[in-house]
N, C-alpha and C. Protein backbone atom coordinates (compact mmCIF):
# COMPACT_ATOMS: atom_id res chain seq x y z
N UNK A 1 0.65 -1.25 0.02
CA UNK A 1 0.05 0.03 -0.13
C UNK A 1 0.89 1.36 -0.03
N UNK A 2 2.21 1.10 0.36
CA UNK A 2 3.09 2.36 0.50
C UNK A 2 3.08 3.00 -0.95
N UNK A 3 3.17 2.29 -1.95
CA UNK A 3 3.42 2.79 -3.43
C UNK A 3 2.12 3.66 -3.67
N UNK A 4 0.92 3.10 -3.48
CA UNK A 4 -0.29 3.88 -3.76
C UNK A 4 -0.34 5.26 -2.87
N UNK A 5 0.15 5.00 -1.53
CA UNK A 5 0.01 6.30 -0.66
C UNK A 5 1.22 7.30 -1.33
N UNK A 6 2.35 6.92 -1.76
CA UNK A 6 3.31 7.83 -2.18
C UNK A 6 2.80 8.51 -3.51
N UNK A 7 2.16 7.53 -4.38
CA UNK A 7 1.70 8.22 -5.73
C UNK A 7 0.55 9.14 -5.41
N UNK A 8 -0.52 8.85 -4.47
CA UNK A 8 -1.59 9.58 -4.31
C UNK A 8 -1.24 10.88 -3.69
N UNK A 9 -0.20 10.91 -2.71
CA UNK A 9 0.29 12.13 -2.12
C UNK A 9 0.97 13.04 -3.02
N UNK A 10 1.91 12.38 -3.68
CA UNK A 10 2.62 13.23 -4.66
C UNK A 10 1.60 13.74 -5.78
N UNK A 11 0.74 13.02 -6.18
CA UNK A 11 -0.27 13.66 -7.13
C UNK A 11 -1.23 14.75 -6.45
N UNK A 12 -1.36 14.72 -5.16
CA UNK A 12 -2.17 15.56 -4.55
C UNK A 12 -1.46 16.96 -4.17
N UNK A 13 -0.13 16.80 -3.96
CA UNK A 13 0.42 18.05 -3.36
C UNK A 13 0.29 19.43 -4.23
N UNK A 14 0.26 19.65 -5.47
CA UNK A 14 -0.04 20.65 -6.06
C UNK A 14 -1.57 21.09 -6.33
N UNK A 15 -2.41 20.28 -5.58
CA UNK A 15 -3.70 20.62 -5.69
C UNK A 15 -4.29 21.35 -4.41
N UNK A 16 -5.52 21.73 -4.34
CA UNK A 16 -6.00 22.52 -3.23
C UNK A 16 -6.00 21.68 -1.82
N UNK A 17 -6.31 20.31 -2.04
CA UNK A 17 -6.37 19.55 -0.80
C UNK A 17 -5.46 18.29 -0.80
N UNK A 18 -5.13 17.99 0.16
CA UNK A 18 -4.13 16.79 0.51
C UNK A 18 -4.90 15.85 1.62
N UNK A 19 -5.05 14.58 1.19
CA UNK A 19 -5.82 13.61 1.95
C UNK A 19 -4.69 13.09 3.01
N UNK A 20 -4.97 13.61 4.37
CA UNK A 20 -3.93 13.11 5.40
C UNK A 20 -3.84 11.55 5.51
N UNK A 21 -5.04 11.05 5.36
CA UNK A 21 -5.12 9.59 5.54
C UNK A 21 -4.40 8.67 4.59
N UNK A 22 -4.07 9.41 3.41
CA UNK A 22 -3.41 8.69 2.37
C UNK A 22 -1.90 8.90 2.46
N UNK A 23 -1.33 9.83 3.22
CA UNK A 23 0.08 10.13 3.27
C UNK A 23 0.96 8.87 3.74
N UNK A 24 2.06 8.62 3.05
CA UNK A 24 2.87 7.56 3.31
C UNK A 24 3.44 7.57 4.69
N UNK A 25 3.45 8.92 5.38
CA UNK A 25 4.09 9.10 6.61
C UNK A 25 3.04 9.64 7.58
N UNK A 26 3.22 9.56 8.96
CA UNK A 26 2.47 10.33 9.84
C UNK A 26 2.35 11.81 9.60
N UNK A 27 1.25 12.37 9.54
CA UNK A 27 1.12 13.84 9.43
C UNK A 27 1.79 14.34 10.57
N UNK A 28 2.26 15.69 10.43
CA UNK A 28 2.98 16.36 11.60
C UNK A 28 2.22 16.35 12.80
N UNK A 29 2.52 16.01 13.88
CA UNK A 29 1.92 15.97 15.26
C UNK A 29 1.53 17.24 15.81
N UNK A 30 0.45 17.20 16.45
CA UNK A 30 0.04 18.33 17.21
C UNK A 30 -0.78 19.55 16.41
N UNK A 31 -1.23 20.55 16.91
CA UNK A 31 -1.82 21.53 16.30
C UNK A 31 -0.67 22.65 15.96
N UNK A 32 -1.09 23.50 15.05
CA UNK A 32 -0.10 24.63 14.84
C UNK A 32 0.18 25.41 16.00
N UNK A 33 1.30 25.94 16.21
CA UNK A 33 1.73 26.64 17.31
C UNK A 33 1.64 28.07 16.97
N UNK A 34 0.73 28.84 17.51
CA UNK A 34 0.60 30.28 17.00
C UNK A 34 0.56 31.09 18.14
N UNK A 35 0.74 32.45 17.93
CA UNK A 35 0.80 33.56 18.85
C UNK A 35 -0.42 34.44 18.62
N UNK A 36 -1.05 34.68 19.76
CA UNK A 36 -2.31 35.55 19.69
C UNK A 36 -2.08 37.03 20.27
N UNK A 37 -2.24 37.92 19.40
CA UNK A 37 -2.18 39.36 19.91
C UNK A 37 -3.56 39.95 19.62
N UNK A 38 -4.35 40.07 20.58
CA UNK A 38 -5.69 40.71 20.24
C UNK A 38 -6.52 39.69 19.47
N UNK A 39 -6.96 40.15 18.43
CA UNK A 39 -7.75 39.12 17.63
C UNK A 39 -7.16 38.55 16.51
N UNK A 40 -5.73 38.83 16.35
CA UNK A 40 -5.00 38.31 15.36
C UNK A 40 -4.09 37.24 15.73
N UNK A 41 -3.75 36.26 14.83
CA UNK A 41 -2.88 35.02 15.18
C UNK A 41 -1.68 35.15 14.08
N UNK A 42 -0.51 34.70 14.49
CA UNK A 42 0.53 34.51 13.75
C UNK A 42 1.07 32.93 13.98
N UNK A 43 1.80 32.48 12.91
CA UNK A 43 2.52 31.23 13.23
C UNK A 43 3.73 31.47 14.13
N UNK A 44 3.85 30.81 15.26
CA UNK A 44 4.96 31.02 16.22
C UNK A 44 6.19 30.48 15.45
N UNK A 45 7.22 30.99 15.65
CA UNK A 45 8.53 30.51 15.30
C UNK A 45 8.69 29.05 15.77
N UNK A 46 8.15 28.70 17.01
CA UNK A 46 8.12 27.35 17.59
C UNK A 46 7.45 26.48 16.71
N UNK A 47 6.57 26.84 15.82
CA UNK A 47 5.91 25.94 15.00
C UNK A 47 6.75 25.15 14.05
N UNK A 48 7.83 25.59 13.82
CA UNK A 48 8.92 24.98 12.74
C UNK A 48 9.37 23.60 13.63
N UNK A 49 9.42 23.69 14.92
CA UNK A 49 10.00 22.47 15.47
C UNK A 49 9.12 21.26 15.28
N UNK A 50 7.90 21.45 14.93
CA UNK A 50 7.03 20.37 14.62
C UNK A 50 7.50 19.60 13.45
N UNK A 51 8.11 20.23 12.47
CA UNK A 51 8.44 19.62 11.22
C UNK A 51 9.82 19.35 11.14
N UNK A 52 10.79 19.73 12.02
CA UNK A 52 12.24 19.33 11.98
C UNK A 52 12.47 17.77 11.85
N UNK A 53 11.72 16.99 12.67
CA UNK A 53 12.10 15.54 12.40
C UNK A 53 12.02 15.09 10.92
N UNK A 54 11.04 15.66 10.15
CA UNK A 54 10.77 15.35 8.78
C UNK A 54 11.86 15.91 8.00
N UNK A 55 12.36 17.07 8.34
CA UNK A 55 13.37 17.80 7.58
C UNK A 55 14.66 16.91 7.79
N UNK A 56 15.06 16.64 9.15
CA UNK A 56 16.28 15.77 9.34
C UNK A 56 16.18 14.49 8.69
N UNK A 57 15.03 13.85 8.51
CA UNK A 57 14.86 12.52 7.84
C UNK A 57 15.24 12.84 6.21
N UNK A 58 14.57 13.80 5.82
CA UNK A 58 14.78 14.32 4.26
C UNK A 58 16.39 14.59 4.11
N UNK A 59 16.92 15.12 4.96
CA UNK A 59 18.47 15.38 4.81
C UNK A 59 19.23 14.19 5.02
N UNK A 60 18.86 13.26 5.85
CA UNK A 60 19.67 12.18 6.12
C UNK A 60 19.76 11.13 5.07
N UNK A 61 18.52 10.91 4.23
CA UNK A 61 18.68 10.02 3.26
C UNK A 61 19.41 10.55 2.01
N UNK A 62 20.44 9.64 1.65
CA UNK A 62 21.38 10.26 0.52
C UNK A 62 20.41 10.30 -0.79
N UNK A 63 20.50 11.28 -1.57
CA UNK A 63 19.82 11.45 -2.63
C UNK A 63 20.07 10.35 -3.65
N UNK A 64 21.22 10.07 -3.82
CA UNK A 64 21.52 8.87 -4.83
C UNK A 64 20.84 7.56 -4.40
N UNK A 65 20.86 7.15 -3.30
CA UNK A 65 20.08 6.00 -2.72
C UNK A 65 18.57 6.19 -2.92
N UNK A 66 18.12 7.42 -2.49
CA UNK A 66 16.61 7.68 -2.80
C UNK A 66 16.13 7.49 -4.18
N UNK A 67 16.94 8.05 -5.17
CA UNK A 67 16.44 7.90 -6.47
C UNK A 67 16.80 6.72 -7.12
N UNK A 68 17.75 5.85 -6.56
CA UNK A 68 17.95 4.61 -7.06
C UNK A 68 16.94 3.64 -6.78
N UNK A 69 16.42 3.84 -5.50
CA UNK A 69 15.33 3.10 -5.14
C UNK A 69 13.99 3.24 -5.89
N UNK A 70 13.79 4.61 -6.20
CA UNK A 70 12.70 5.06 -7.00
C UNK A 70 12.75 4.54 -8.33
N UNK A 71 13.90 4.62 -8.92
CA UNK A 71 14.14 4.16 -10.24
C UNK A 71 13.88 2.47 -10.38
N UNK A 72 14.36 1.87 -9.20
CA UNK A 72 14.33 0.39 -9.21
C UNK A 72 12.73 0.07 -9.04
N UNK A 73 11.96 0.81 -8.42
CA UNK A 73 10.57 0.47 -8.24
C UNK A 73 9.61 1.29 -9.03
N UNK A 74 10.35 2.12 -10.14
CA UNK A 74 9.39 2.88 -10.96
C UNK A 74 8.34 2.18 -11.51
N UNK A 75 8.41 0.87 -12.06
CA UNK A 75 7.23 0.28 -12.80
C UNK A 75 6.03 0.20 -11.79
N UNK A 76 6.21 -0.02 -10.39
CA UNK A 76 5.00 0.04 -9.41
C UNK A 76 4.60 1.32 -9.30
N UNK A 77 5.32 2.45 -9.13
CA UNK A 77 4.83 3.69 -9.07
C UNK A 77 3.98 4.08 -10.34
N UNK A 78 4.65 3.65 -11.43
CA UNK A 78 3.92 3.98 -12.75
C UNK A 78 2.52 3.41 -12.91
N UNK A 79 2.60 2.13 -12.47
CA UNK A 79 1.14 1.39 -12.41
C UNK A 79 0.24 1.86 -11.55
N UNK A 80 0.79 2.35 -10.26
CA UNK A 80 -0.14 2.97 -9.32
C UNK A 80 -0.85 4.25 -9.87
N UNK A 81 0.25 4.93 -10.58
CA UNK A 81 -0.15 6.31 -11.08
C UNK A 81 -1.34 6.03 -12.26
N UNK A 82 -1.20 5.15 -13.05
CA UNK A 82 -2.27 4.79 -14.08
C UNK A 82 -3.55 4.31 -13.54
N UNK A 83 -3.18 3.58 -12.34
CA UNK A 83 -4.58 3.16 -11.70
C UNK A 83 -5.45 4.25 -10.91
N UNK A 84 -4.75 5.38 -10.92
CA UNK A 84 -5.37 6.48 -10.34
C UNK A 84 -6.11 7.38 -11.41
N UNK A 85 -6.01 6.85 -12.52
CA UNK A 85 -6.66 7.48 -13.66
C UNK A 85 -5.78 8.34 -14.65
N UNK A 86 -4.56 7.80 -14.67
CA UNK A 86 -3.67 8.63 -15.76
C UNK A 86 -3.06 7.59 -16.73
N UNK A 87 -3.79 6.83 -17.31
CA UNK A 87 -3.12 5.94 -18.45
C UNK A 87 -2.47 6.73 -19.45
N UNK A 88 -1.45 6.26 -19.75
CA UNK A 88 -0.45 6.90 -20.91
C UNK A 88 0.25 8.06 -20.53
N UNK A 89 0.23 8.47 -19.13
CA UNK A 89 0.95 9.66 -18.64
C UNK A 89 2.07 8.97 -17.84
N UNK A 90 3.19 9.64 -17.63
CA UNK A 90 4.33 9.12 -16.79
C UNK A 90 4.26 9.79 -15.27
N UNK A 91 4.36 8.96 -14.49
CA UNK A 91 4.54 9.44 -13.14
C UNK A 91 5.80 10.21 -12.76
N UNK A 92 6.79 9.93 -13.50
CA UNK A 92 8.08 10.78 -13.44
C UNK A 92 7.74 12.08 -13.85
N UNK A 93 7.01 12.36 -14.71
CA UNK A 93 6.64 13.75 -15.27
C UNK A 93 6.05 14.54 -14.08
N UNK A 94 5.07 13.72 -13.40
CA UNK A 94 4.37 14.38 -12.29
C UNK A 94 5.18 14.61 -11.13
N UNK A 95 6.15 13.69 -10.86
CA UNK A 95 7.12 14.11 -9.77
C UNK A 95 7.79 15.16 -9.89
N UNK A 96 8.30 15.48 -11.10
CA UNK A 96 9.07 16.64 -11.48
C UNK A 96 8.15 17.89 -11.52
N UNK A 97 6.91 17.71 -11.98
CA UNK A 97 6.08 18.99 -11.91
C UNK A 97 5.74 19.34 -10.50
N UNK A 98 5.62 18.08 -9.57
CA UNK A 98 5.47 18.53 -8.25
C UNK A 98 6.56 19.19 -7.48
N UNK A 99 7.63 18.69 -7.88
CA UNK A 99 8.91 19.31 -7.23
C UNK A 99 8.92 20.85 -7.50
N UNK A 100 8.60 21.04 -8.99
CA UNK A 100 8.64 22.49 -9.29
C UNK A 100 7.69 23.30 -8.59
N UNK A 101 6.49 22.70 -8.33
CA UNK A 101 5.38 23.41 -7.51
C UNK A 101 5.91 23.62 -6.14
N UNK A 102 6.71 22.75 -5.67
CA UNK A 102 7.12 23.01 -4.19
C UNK A 102 8.22 23.91 -4.10
N UNK A 103 9.07 24.03 -5.19
CA UNK A 103 10.18 24.97 -5.24
C UNK A 103 9.60 26.38 -5.39
N UNK A 104 8.31 26.50 -5.99
CA UNK A 104 7.82 27.79 -6.20
C UNK A 104 7.15 28.33 -5.03
N UNK A 105 7.24 27.65 -3.86
CA UNK A 105 6.48 28.00 -2.65
C UNK A 105 7.18 29.51 -2.22
N UNK A 106 6.51 30.48 -1.87
CA UNK A 106 7.00 31.76 -1.50
C UNK A 106 7.85 31.56 -0.19
N UNK A 107 9.09 32.15 -0.14
CA UNK A 107 9.90 32.07 1.06
C UNK A 107 9.61 33.24 2.00
N UNK A 108 8.64 32.89 2.94
CA UNK A 108 8.10 33.92 3.65
C UNK A 108 8.89 34.08 5.06
N UNK A 109 9.60 35.03 5.24
CA UNK A 109 10.38 35.19 6.49
C UNK A 109 9.80 35.77 7.75
N UNK A 110 8.72 36.87 7.40
CA UNK A 110 8.01 37.48 8.54
C UNK A 110 7.07 36.61 9.23
N UNK A 111 6.53 36.97 10.31
CA UNK A 111 5.56 36.14 10.90
C UNK A 111 4.38 35.88 9.90
N UNK A 112 3.89 34.77 9.83
CA UNK A 112 2.77 34.35 8.96
C UNK A 112 1.29 34.70 9.45
N UNK A 113 0.76 35.62 9.06
CA UNK A 113 -0.56 36.16 9.74
C UNK A 113 -1.57 34.81 9.37
N UNK A 114 -2.42 34.65 10.35
CA UNK A 114 -3.52 33.63 10.28
C UNK A 114 -4.79 34.12 10.51
N UNK A 115 -5.88 33.47 10.21
CA UNK A 115 -7.25 33.78 10.69
C UNK A 115 -7.83 32.49 11.03
N UNK A 116 -8.86 32.46 11.94
CA UNK A 116 -9.47 31.33 12.23
C UNK A 116 -10.98 31.30 12.17
N UNK A 117 -11.37 31.20 10.83
CA UNK A 117 -12.91 31.47 10.51
C UNK A 117 -13.76 30.41 11.27
N UNK A 118 -13.30 29.29 11.42
CA UNK A 118 -13.90 27.93 12.15
C UNK A 118 -12.79 27.40 13.03
N UNK A 119 -12.76 26.06 12.93
CA UNK A 119 -11.94 25.08 13.69
C UNK A 119 -10.40 25.38 13.19
N UNK A 120 -10.27 25.38 11.86
CA UNK A 120 -8.92 25.27 11.32
C UNK A 120 -8.48 26.73 11.10
N UNK A 121 -7.15 26.89 11.12
CA UNK A 121 -6.48 28.18 10.79
C UNK A 121 -6.44 28.31 9.28
N UNK A 122 -6.47 29.43 8.70
CA UNK A 122 -6.21 29.68 7.31
C UNK A 122 -5.06 30.82 7.31
N UNK A 123 -4.55 31.06 6.29
CA UNK A 123 -3.54 32.07 6.10
C UNK A 123 -4.47 33.36 5.79
N UNK A 124 -4.07 34.55 6.56
CA UNK A 124 -4.78 35.76 6.46
C UNK A 124 -4.57 36.45 5.03
N UNK A 125 -3.35 36.15 4.40
CA UNK A 125 -3.14 36.68 3.09
C UNK A 125 -3.62 35.74 2.20
N UNK A 126 -4.62 36.42 1.21
CA UNK A 126 -5.32 35.55 0.26
C UNK A 126 -4.28 34.96 -0.63
N UNK A 127 -3.21 35.54 -1.02
CA UNK A 127 -2.19 34.87 -1.99
C UNK A 127 -1.65 33.75 -1.40
N UNK A 128 -1.43 33.59 -0.02
CA UNK A 128 -0.85 32.35 0.62
C UNK A 128 -2.07 31.41 0.69
N UNK A 129 -3.22 31.87 1.11
CA UNK A 129 -4.38 30.76 1.17
C UNK A 129 -4.72 30.23 -0.09
N UNK A 130 -4.33 30.77 -1.42
CA UNK A 130 -4.64 30.26 -2.64
C UNK A 130 -3.48 29.32 -3.01
N UNK A 131 -2.45 29.17 -2.33
CA UNK A 131 -1.28 28.18 -2.67
C UNK A 131 -1.72 26.83 -2.73
N UNK A 132 -1.05 25.90 -3.37
CA UNK A 132 -1.35 24.57 -3.38
C UNK A 132 -1.15 23.91 -1.99
N UNK A 133 -1.61 22.86 -1.74
CA UNK A 133 -1.52 22.06 -0.51
C UNK A 133 0.01 22.06 -0.17
N UNK A 134 0.91 21.57 -0.93
CA UNK A 134 2.19 21.32 -0.82
C UNK A 134 2.81 22.68 -0.56
N UNK A 135 2.67 23.71 -1.18
CA UNK A 135 3.19 24.98 -1.02
C UNK A 135 2.68 25.42 0.49
N UNK A 136 1.61 25.22 0.89
CA UNK A 136 1.10 25.52 2.15
C UNK A 136 1.97 24.92 3.14
N UNK A 137 2.23 23.61 3.09
CA UNK A 137 2.99 22.93 3.99
C UNK A 137 4.44 23.52 4.13
N UNK A 138 4.90 23.90 2.81
CA UNK A 138 6.27 24.68 2.88
C UNK A 138 6.25 25.84 3.75
N UNK A 139 5.26 26.57 3.57
CA UNK A 139 5.18 27.95 4.36
C UNK A 139 4.88 27.57 5.90
N UNK A 140 4.11 26.72 6.14
CA UNK A 140 4.00 26.40 7.56
C UNK A 140 5.24 25.71 8.25
N UNK A 141 6.07 25.10 7.50
CA UNK A 141 7.14 24.45 8.19
C UNK A 141 8.23 25.57 8.47
N UNK A 142 8.06 26.69 8.09
CA UNK A 142 9.01 27.92 8.45
C UNK A 142 10.09 28.04 7.52
N UNK A 143 10.61 29.15 7.52
CA UNK A 143 11.57 29.62 6.44
C UNK A 143 12.93 28.65 6.43
N UNK A 144 13.71 28.46 7.58
CA UNK A 144 14.82 27.79 7.59
C UNK A 144 14.53 26.08 7.26
N UNK A 145 13.26 25.56 7.62
CA UNK A 145 13.02 24.30 7.35
C UNK A 145 12.76 24.27 5.54
N UNK A 146 12.13 25.24 5.30
CA UNK A 146 11.79 25.26 3.89
C UNK A 146 13.05 25.40 2.88
N UNK A 147 13.96 26.20 3.37
CA UNK A 147 15.31 26.30 2.62
C UNK A 147 15.87 24.96 2.55
N UNK A 148 16.02 24.33 3.63
CA UNK A 148 16.63 22.91 3.66
C UNK A 148 15.88 21.80 2.81
N UNK A 149 14.47 22.00 2.86
CA UNK A 149 13.78 21.15 2.00
C UNK A 149 13.87 21.36 0.42
N UNK A 150 13.94 22.64 0.20
CA UNK A 150 14.11 23.15 -1.16
C UNK A 150 15.35 22.67 -1.61
N UNK A 151 16.42 22.73 -0.75
CA UNK A 151 17.81 22.36 -1.33
C UNK A 151 17.78 20.70 -1.79
N UNK A 152 17.09 19.94 -0.68
CA UNK A 152 16.94 18.63 -1.08
C UNK A 152 16.05 18.19 -2.26
N UNK A 153 15.05 19.05 -2.49
CA UNK A 153 14.19 18.90 -3.74
C UNK A 153 15.00 19.19 -4.96
N UNK A 154 15.85 20.19 -4.94
CA UNK A 154 16.66 20.59 -6.16
C UNK A 154 17.56 19.32 -6.53
N UNK A 155 18.10 18.84 -5.42
CA UNK A 155 19.16 17.52 -5.55
C UNK A 155 18.33 16.45 -6.29
N UNK A 156 17.05 16.27 -5.76
CA UNK A 156 16.31 15.02 -6.31
C UNK A 156 15.93 15.38 -7.87
N UNK A 157 15.36 16.66 -7.96
CA UNK A 157 15.07 16.92 -9.35
C UNK A 157 16.22 16.75 -10.41
N UNK A 158 17.41 17.23 -9.92
CA UNK A 158 18.52 17.19 -10.82
C UNK A 158 18.79 15.68 -11.07
N UNK A 159 18.90 14.80 -10.08
CA UNK A 159 19.04 13.37 -10.29
C UNK A 159 17.96 12.76 -11.08
N UNK A 160 16.77 12.99 -11.07
CA UNK A 160 15.67 12.49 -11.77
C UNK A 160 15.83 12.98 -13.21
N UNK A 161 16.02 14.22 -13.49
CA UNK A 161 15.93 14.67 -14.88
C UNK A 161 17.23 14.32 -15.57
N UNK A 162 18.22 13.92 -14.88
CA UNK A 162 19.55 13.46 -15.62
C UNK A 162 19.14 12.30 -16.50
N UNK A 163 18.54 11.27 -16.05
CA UNK A 163 18.00 10.21 -16.69
C UNK A 163 16.79 9.66 -16.06
N UNK A 164 15.56 9.93 -16.67
CA UNK A 164 14.20 9.63 -16.25
C UNK A 164 14.08 8.07 -16.17
N UNK A 165 13.34 7.72 -15.10
CA UNK A 165 13.26 6.04 -15.05
C UNK A 165 12.50 5.56 -16.16
N UNK A 166 11.63 6.23 -16.82
CA UNK A 166 10.88 5.76 -18.10
C UNK A 166 11.85 5.72 -19.15
N UNK A 167 12.71 6.54 -19.28
CA UNK A 167 13.85 6.54 -20.32
C UNK A 167 14.74 5.30 -20.00
N UNK A 168 15.07 5.10 -18.84
CA UNK A 168 16.03 3.84 -18.60
C UNK A 168 15.27 2.65 -18.90
N UNK A 169 14.07 2.62 -18.83
CA UNK A 169 13.16 1.41 -19.17
C UNK A 169 12.94 1.36 -20.73
N UNK A 170 13.57 2.16 -21.40
CA UNK A 170 13.25 2.17 -22.96
C UNK A 170 11.95 2.83 -23.22
N UNK A 171 11.44 3.81 -22.42
CA UNK A 171 10.23 4.17 -22.73
C UNK A 171 10.38 5.67 -22.84
N UNK A 172 10.00 6.34 -23.82
CA UNK A 172 10.05 7.73 -24.09
C UNK A 172 9.21 8.57 -23.11
N UNK A 173 9.84 9.49 -22.53
CA UNK A 173 9.01 10.27 -21.71
C UNK A 173 7.88 11.02 -22.39
N UNK A 174 6.83 11.35 -21.68
CA UNK A 174 5.64 12.25 -22.20
C UNK A 174 5.96 13.59 -22.30
N UNK A 175 4.99 14.38 -23.09
CA UNK A 175 5.21 15.74 -23.18
C UNK A 175 4.68 16.53 -21.90
């Protein structure tokens, strides 16, 4: 089931919503750590600590090993992607597209303003609230964590585009 979870999560990251129940890892624990001043909220700098174990894990996995495992099992990822309703499309193209979307997340340094119209927090800035689910995660994890994750994503993208898994298998990559 891990392959299906990875594929579904990757496919959903650039969309508006991400299914937490389909994620291949446990979602970040706890509620967002906020600072309340009067009626306004901001993400606390301490909120970034919730994401650090995931960032450390991403940094600890050697990019070459990660990409080698991905390439080894690419036929399974491709089949799971086709099963999601994308026959004739390449999962590797989607992975690169998702990496590009995550890399495009704005690098917000100042305190991120929030609103709480109901139970869940939303970004007060409509531009941030319109970001993809993956980009919102990048912003919520904090600037320093985001910079580290973006560096890792660039390494992965570079390794993937050097020779795509579909090309190694003798299949021409899609448009």
